[in-house]
Amino acid sequence: MPFVPLQKTLAKVLKEKKMTGDLDLFRVFPMWSDVVGDKTAQHARPARIKDRILYVEVDDPMWLTQLKYMKGDILEKIDMKIKKDAFKDLRFFLKPA
């Protein structure tokens, strides 16, 4: 069996699953608690990425309000930890009951 580079195989799988674009953005999922802190990560988690917008699921209306005020700081931390201008926006939504 010939050697196939992992990058080529991964690119093929991602294309088949229609996951194209900037793959660095997906690093936000495992790094979330490093970005927002453990306490905030207990109440909010990234849910999906679409068109360079990160959608964050929040478990409590008070946390939802607080996170809206923290949006700029969170985007700055993502820029530092992942890459500059990784996301053009964050959208917070309340977790369905």
C-alpha atoms as a PDB file:
ATOM      1  CA  MET A   1       0.000   0.000   0.000  1.00  0.00           C
ATOM      2  CA  PRO A   2       1.545   3.346  -1.006  1.00  0.00           C
ATOM      3  CA  PHE A   3       2.053   6.124   1.499  1.00  0.00           C
ATOM      4  CA  VAL A   4      -0.613   8.863   1.330  1.00  0.00           C
ATOM      5  CA  PRO A   5       0.046  12.052   3.267  1.00  0.00           C
ATOM      6  CA  LEU A   6      -2.409  12.628   6.099  1.00  0.00           C
ATOM      7  CA  GLN A   7      -3.059  16.182   4.912  1.00  0.00           C
ATOM      8  CA  LYS A   8      -4.228  14.914   1.533  1.00  0.00           C
ATOM      9  CA  THR A   9      -6.491  12.307   3.120  1.00  0.00           C
ATOM     10  CA  LEU A  10      -7.919  14.820   5.571  1.00  0.00           C
ATOM     11  CA  ALA A  11      -8.575  17.334   2.791  1.00  0.00           C
ATOM     12  CA  LYS A  12     -10.479  14.677   0.843  1.00  0.00           C
ATOM     13  CA  VAL A  13     -12.626  13.723   3.851  1.00  0.00           C
ATOM     14  CA  LEU A  14     -13.375  17.347   4.704  1.00  0.00           C
ATOM     15  CA  LYS A  15     -14.354  18.065   1.100  1.00  0.00           C
ATOM     16  CA  GLU A  16     -16.686  15.045   1.089  1.00  0.00           C
ATOM     17  CA  LYS A  17     -18.303  16.307   4.321  1.00  0.00           C
ATOM     18  CA  LYS A  18     -18.509  19.829   2.832  1.00  0.00           C
ATOM     19  CA  MET A  19     -16.279  21.242   5.561  1.00  0.00           C
ATOM     20  CA  THR A  20     -14.257  23.692   3.554  1.00  0.00           C
ATOM     21  CA  GLY A  21     -12.752  27.008   4.460  1.00  0.00           C
ATOM     22  CA  ASP A  22     -10.335  27.995   7.165  1.00  0.00           C
ATOM     23  CA  LEU A  23      -9.733  24.906   9.286  1.00  0.00           C
ATOM     24  CA  ASP A  24      -7.860  26.946  11.919  1.00  0.00           C
ATOM     25  CA  LEU A  25     -11.233  28.288  13.030  1.00  0.00           C
ATOM     26  CA  PHE A  26     -12.220  24.858  14.345  1.00  0.00           C
ATOM     27  CA  ARG A  27      -9.416  25.064  16.924  1.00  0.00           C
ATOM     28  CA  VAL A  28     -11.785  27.220  18.990  1.00  0.00           C
ATOM     29  CA  PHE A  29     -13.718  24.111  20.095  1.00  0.00           C
ATOM     30  CA  PRO A  30     -10.949  22.398  22.111  1.00  0.00           C
ATOM     31  CA  MET A  31      -9.472  25.760  23.194  1.00  0.00           C
ATOM     32  CA  TRP A  32     -12.715  27.345  24.397  1.00  0.00           C
ATOM     33  CA  SER A  33     -12.001  27.185  28.154  1.00  0.00           C
ATOM     34  CA  ASP A  34      -8.541  28.682  27.518  1.00  0.00           C
ATOM     35  CA  VAL A  35     -10.198  31.556  25.669  1.00  0.00           C
ATOM     36  CA  VAL A  36     -13.042  32.390  28.069  1.00  0.00           C
ATOM     37  CA  GLY A  37     -11.922  30.785  31.332  1.00  0.00           C
ATOM     38  CA  ASP A  38     -13.247  27.727  33.133  1.00  0.00           C
ATOM     39  CA  LYS A  39     -16.149  29.456  34.890  1.00  0.00           C
ATOM     40  CA  THR A  40     -17.542  30.970  31.693  1.00  0.00           C
ATOM     41  CA  ALA A  41     -16.957  27.710  29.800  1.00  0.00           C
ATOM     42  CA  GLN A  42     -19.246  25.966  32.295  1.00  0.00           C
ATOM     43  CA  HIS A  43     -22.126  28.126  31.037  1.00  0.00           C
ATOM     44  CA  ALA A  44     -21.283  28.699  27.370  1.00  0.00           C
ATOM     45  CA  ARG A  45     -19.823  26.569  24.613  1.00  0.00           C
ATOM     46  CA  PRO A  46     -19.197  27.031  20.907  1.00  0.00           C
ATOM     47  CA  ALA A  47     -21.886  25.229  18.933  1.00  0.00           C
ATOM     48  CA  ARG A  48     -21.107  25.866  15.265  1.00  0.00           C
ATOM     49  CA  ILE A  49     -19.288  28.010  12.764  1.00  0.00           C
ATOM     50  CA  LYS A  50     -20.931  29.430   9.674  1.00  0.00           C
ATOM     51  CA  ASP A  51     -19.557  32.138   7.382  1.00  0.00           C
ATOM     52  CA  ARG A  52     -16.805  33.008   9.918  1.00  0.00           C
ATOM     53  CA  ILE A  53     -19.425  33.586  12.627  1.00  0.00           C
ATOM     54  CA  LEU A  54     -19.047  31.595  15.833  1.00  0.00           C
ATOM     55  CA  TYR A  55     -22.373  30.610  17.393  1.00  0.00           C
ATOM     56  CA  VAL A  56     -22.151  30.101  21.157  1.00  0.00           C
ATOM     57  CA  GLU A  57     -24.768  28.200  23.149  1.00  0.00           C
ATOM     58  CA  VAL A  58     -25.441  29.629  26.616  1.00  0.00           C
ATOM     59  CA  ASP A  59     -27.279  27.855  29.451  1.00  0.00           C
ATOM     60  CA  ASP A  60     -28.696  30.842  31.359  1.00  0.00           C
ATOM     61  CA  PRO A  61     -30.276  34.193  30.363  1.00  0.00           C
ATOM     62  CA  MET A  62     -28.041  36.124  32.790  1.00  0.00           C
ATOM     63  CA  TRP A  63     -24.917  34.573  31.265  1.00  0.00           C
ATOM     64  CA  LEU A  64     -26.274  35.378  27.818  1.00  0.00           C
ATOM     65  CA  THR A  65     -26.483  39.058  28.748  1.00  0.00           C
ATOM     66  CA  GLN A  66     -23.028  39.028  30.351  1.00  0.00           C
ATOM     67  CA  LEU A  67     -21.424  37.361  27.333  1.00  0.00           C
ATOM     68  CA  LYS A  68     -22.841  40.004  25.005  1.00  0.00           C
ATOM     69  CA  TYR A  69     -20.872  42.584  27.002  1.00  0.00           C
ATOM     70  CA  MET A  70     -17.760  40.368  26.832  1.00  0.00           C
ATOM     71  CA  LYS A  71     -17.956  39.825  23.052  1.00  0.00           C
ATOM     72  CA  GLY A  72     -15.117  42.204  22.150  1.00  0.00           C
ATOM     73  CA  ASP A  73     -12.781  40.720  24.766  1.00  0.00           C
ATOM     74  CA  ILE A  74     -13.566  37.178  23.635  1.00  0.00           C
ATOM     75  CA  LEU A  75     -12.875  38.055  19.990  1.00  0.00           C
ATOM     76  CA  GLU A  76      -9.536  39.623  21.005  1.00  0.00           C
ATOM     77  CA  LYS A  77      -8.530  36.492  22.915  1.00  0.00           C
ATOM     78  CA  ILE A  78      -9.480  34.298  19.961  1.00  0.00           C
ATOM     79  CA  ASP A  79      -7.349  36.543  17.730  1.00  0.00           C
ATOM     80  CA  MET A  80      -4.381  36.049  20.078  1.00  0.00           C
ATOM     81  CA  LYS A  81      -4.789  32.291  20.618  1.00  0.00           C
ATOM     82  CA  ILE A  82      -5.936  31.141  17.172  1.00  0.00           C
ATOM     83  CA  LYS A  83      -5.283  33.822  14.559  1.00  0.00           C
ATOM     84  CA  LYS A  84      -5.974  37.453  13.778  1.00  0.00           C
ATOM     85  CA  ASP A  85      -9.507  38.173  12.550  1.00  0.00           C
ATOM     86  CA  ALA A  86     -10.477  34.518  12.866  1.00  0.00           C
ATOM     87  CA  PHE A  87     -14.164  35.345  13.301  1.00  0.00           C
ATOM     88  CA  LYS A  88     -16.073  38.345  12.056  1.00  0.00           C
ATOM     89  CA  ASP A  89     -18.690  37.984  14.800  1.00  0.00           C
ATOM     90  CA  LEU A  90     -19.904  35.995  17.789  1.00  0.00           C
ATOM     91  CA  ARG A  91     -23.584  35.204  18.154  1.00  0.00           C
ATOM     92  CA  PHE A  92     -24.915  33.983  21.464  1.00  0.00           C
ATOM     93  CA  PHE A  93     -28.125  32.009  21.841  1.00  0.00           C
ATOM     94  CA  LEU A  94     -29.931  30.397  24.740  1.00  0.00           C
ATOM     95  CA  LYS A  95     -29.712  26.628  24.967  1.00  0.00           C
ATOM     96  CA  PRO A  96     -33.075  25.026  24.219  1.00  0.00           C
ATOM     97  CA  ALA A  97     -34.799  23.634  27.313  1.00  0.00           C
END
